[in-house]
Amino acid sequence: MDNNLLDLKKGEEAEVVAFDGGRMMARRLEGMGIRPGKRISRISSQFMGGPVVVSVDGRQTAIGRGMASQVRVRALEEDNTE
């Protein structure tokens, strides 16, 4: 099941699946290195609004909550073979 970036918990990693926004938003996200197929993890977010800090390819970037809600992600399966 696909979720959006806001659904990720702090430290959770996922794969970017698609964008719900328009072409300009997609270009802006791709300029930040956020594109379908990339692994992304949520680093932090501000309480009661504010930007969401994510990590992609070892770089941290802040994304507004509105834009983050348009980034569709799929949580990565954890390897629990203990």
C-alpha atoms as a PDB file:
ATOM      1  CA  MET A   1       0.000   0.000   0.000  1.00  0.00           C
ATOM      2  CA  ASP A   2       1.369   3.402  -0.952  1.00  0.00           C
ATOM      3  CA  ASN A   3       1.407   6.253   1.547  1.00  0.00           C
ATOM      4  CA  ASN A   4       2.649   9.792   1.374  1.00  0.00           C
ATOM      5  CA  LEU A   5       5.832  11.151   2.889  1.00  0.00           C
ATOM      6  CA  LEU A   6       3.961  12.545   5.901  1.00  0.00           C
ATOM      7  CA  ASP A   7       2.916   9.001   6.876  1.00  0.00           C
ATOM      8  CA  LEU A   8       6.532   7.943   7.495  1.00  0.00           C
ATOM      9  CA  LYS A   9       7.738   7.887  11.064  1.00  0.00           C
ATOM     10  CA  LYS A  10      11.003   9.517  12.081  1.00  0.00           C
ATOM     11  CA  GLY A  11      13.870   7.325  10.850  1.00  0.00           C
ATOM     12  CA  GLU A  12      11.635   5.185   8.614  1.00  0.00           C
ATOM     13  CA  GLU A  13      12.894   4.492   5.101  1.00  0.00           C
ATOM     14  CA  ALA A  14      10.753   4.132   1.972  1.00  0.00           C
ATOM     15  CA  GLU A  15      10.936   4.134  -1.818  1.00  0.00           C
ATOM     16  CA  VAL A  16       9.529   7.066  -3.767  1.00  0.00           C
ATOM     17  CA  VAL A  17       6.771   5.739  -6.047  1.00  0.00           C
ATOM     18  CA  ALA A  18       5.184   8.795  -7.700  1.00  0.00           C
ATOM     19  CA  PHE A  19       4.080  12.402  -7.273  1.00  0.00           C
ATOM     20  CA  ASP A  20       0.464  13.508  -7.014  1.00  0.00           C
ATOM     21  CA  GLY A  21       1.224  17.129  -7.931  1.00  0.00           C
ATOM     22  CA  GLY A  22       1.798  18.758 -11.279  1.00  0.00           C
ATOM     23  CA  ARG A  23       4.819  18.949 -13.526  1.00  0.00           C
ATOM     24  CA  MET A  24       6.368  21.991 -11.823  1.00  0.00           C
ATOM     25  CA  MET A  25       6.251  20.330  -8.431  1.00  0.00           C
ATOM     26  CA  ALA A  26       7.778  17.159  -9.890  1.00  0.00           C
ATOM     27  CA  ARG A  27      10.611  19.204 -11.421  1.00  0.00           C
ATOM     28  CA  ARG A  28      11.281  20.923  -8.123  1.00  0.00           C
ATOM     29  CA  LEU A  29      11.399  17.619  -6.235  1.00  0.00           C
ATOM     30  CA  GLU A  30      13.609  16.022  -8.875  1.00  0.00           C
ATOM     31  CA  GLY A  31      15.950  18.994  -8.545  1.00  0.00           C
ATOM     32  CA  MET A  32      16.319  18.026  -4.883  1.00  0.00           C
ATOM     33  CA  GLY A  33      17.143  14.446  -5.890  1.00  0.00           C
ATOM     34  CA  ILE A  34      13.706  13.127  -4.961  1.00  0.00           C
ATOM     35  CA  ARG A  35      12.429  11.001  -7.835  1.00  0.00           C
ATOM     36  CA  PRO A  36      10.604   7.699  -8.294  1.00  0.00           C
ATOM     37  CA  GLY A  37      12.754   4.691  -7.442  1.00  0.00           C
ATOM     38  CA  LYS A  38      14.920   6.567  -4.901  1.00  0.00           C
ATOM     39  CA  ARG A  39      15.151   5.570  -1.258  1.00  0.00           C
ATOM     40  CA  ILE A  40      14.109   8.317   1.108  1.00  0.00           C
ATOM     41  CA  SER A  41      14.016   8.494   4.885  1.00  0.00           C
ATOM     42  CA  ARG A  42      12.261  10.927   7.160  1.00  0.00           C
ATOM     43  CA  ILE A  43      14.696  12.618   9.502  1.00  0.00           C
ATOM     44  CA  SER A  44      12.370  14.937  11.401  1.00  0.00           C
ATOM     45  CA  SER A  45       9.496  17.355  11.184  1.00  0.00           C
ATOM     46  CA  GLN A  46       8.332  20.362  13.129  1.00  0.00           C
ATOM     47  CA  PHE A  47       5.528  19.914  15.619  1.00  0.00           C
ATOM     48  CA  MET A  48       2.278  21.512  14.463  1.00  0.00           C
ATOM     49  CA  GLY A  49       3.345  22.201  10.899  1.00  0.00           C
ATOM     50  CA  GLY A  50       6.542  23.380   9.331  1.00  0.00           C
ATOM     51  CA  PRO A  51       8.846  21.531   6.966  1.00  0.00           C
ATOM     52  CA  VAL A  52       9.662  17.829   6.868  1.00  0.00           C
ATOM     53  CA  VAL A  53      13.390  17.016   6.778  1.00  0.00           C
ATOM     54  CA  VAL A  54      14.262  14.012   4.631  1.00  0.00           C
ATOM     55  CA  SER A  55      17.441  12.286   3.509  1.00  0.00           C
ATOM     56  CA  VAL A  56      18.033  11.162  -0.085  1.00  0.00           C
ATOM     57  CA  ASP A  57      21.412   9.913  -1.329  1.00  0.00           C
ATOM     58  CA  GLY A  58      23.038  11.027   1.923  1.00  0.00           C
ATOM     59  CA  ARG A  59      21.780  14.615   1.561  1.00  0.00           C
ATOM     60  CA  GLN A  60      19.277  16.192   3.901  1.00  0.00           C
ATOM     61  CA  THR A  61      16.674  18.585   2.595  1.00  0.00           C
ATOM     62  CA  ALA A  62      13.561  20.256   3.977  1.00  0.00           C
ATOM     63  CA  ILE A  63      10.247  19.967   2.159  1.00  0.00           C
ATOM     64  CA  GLY A  64       7.068  21.872   2.956  1.00  0.00           C
ATOM     65  CA  ARG A  65       4.244  19.754   4.346  1.00  0.00           C
ATOM     66  CA  GLY A  66       2.010  20.450   1.351  1.00  0.00           C
ATOM     67  CA  MET A  67       4.647  19.196  -1.055  1.00  0.00           C
ATOM     68  CA  ALA A  68       5.524  16.245   1.201  1.00  0.00           C
ATOM     69  CA  SER A  69       1.869  15.173   1.164  1.00  0.00           C
ATOM     70  CA  GLN A  70       2.106  14.861  -2.644  1.00  0.00           C
ATOM     71  CA  VAL A  71       5.086  12.460  -2.573  1.00  0.00           C
ATOM     72  CA  ARG A  72       3.829   8.861  -2.772  1.00  0.00           C
ATOM     73  CA  VAL A  73       6.103   6.350  -1.040  1.00  0.00           C
ATOM     74  CA  ARG A  74       6.143   2.614  -0.367  1.00  0.00           C
ATOM     75  CA  ALA A  75       7.619   1.483   2.946  1.00  0.00           C
ATOM     76  CA  LEU A  76      10.569  -0.858   2.571  1.00  0.00           C
ATOM     77  CA  GLU A  77      10.153  -4.344   3.981  1.00  0.00           C
ATOM     78  CA  GLU A  78      12.267  -4.885   7.069  1.00  0.00           C
ATOM     79  CA  ASP A  79      14.398  -8.003   7.181  1.00  0.00           C
ATOM     80  CA  ASN A  80      13.356  -9.687  10.437  1.00  0.00           C
ATOM     81  CA  THR A  81      15.206 -12.997  10.168  1.00  0.00           C
ATOM     82  CA  GLU A  82      16.245 -13.263  13.812  1.00  0.00           C
END
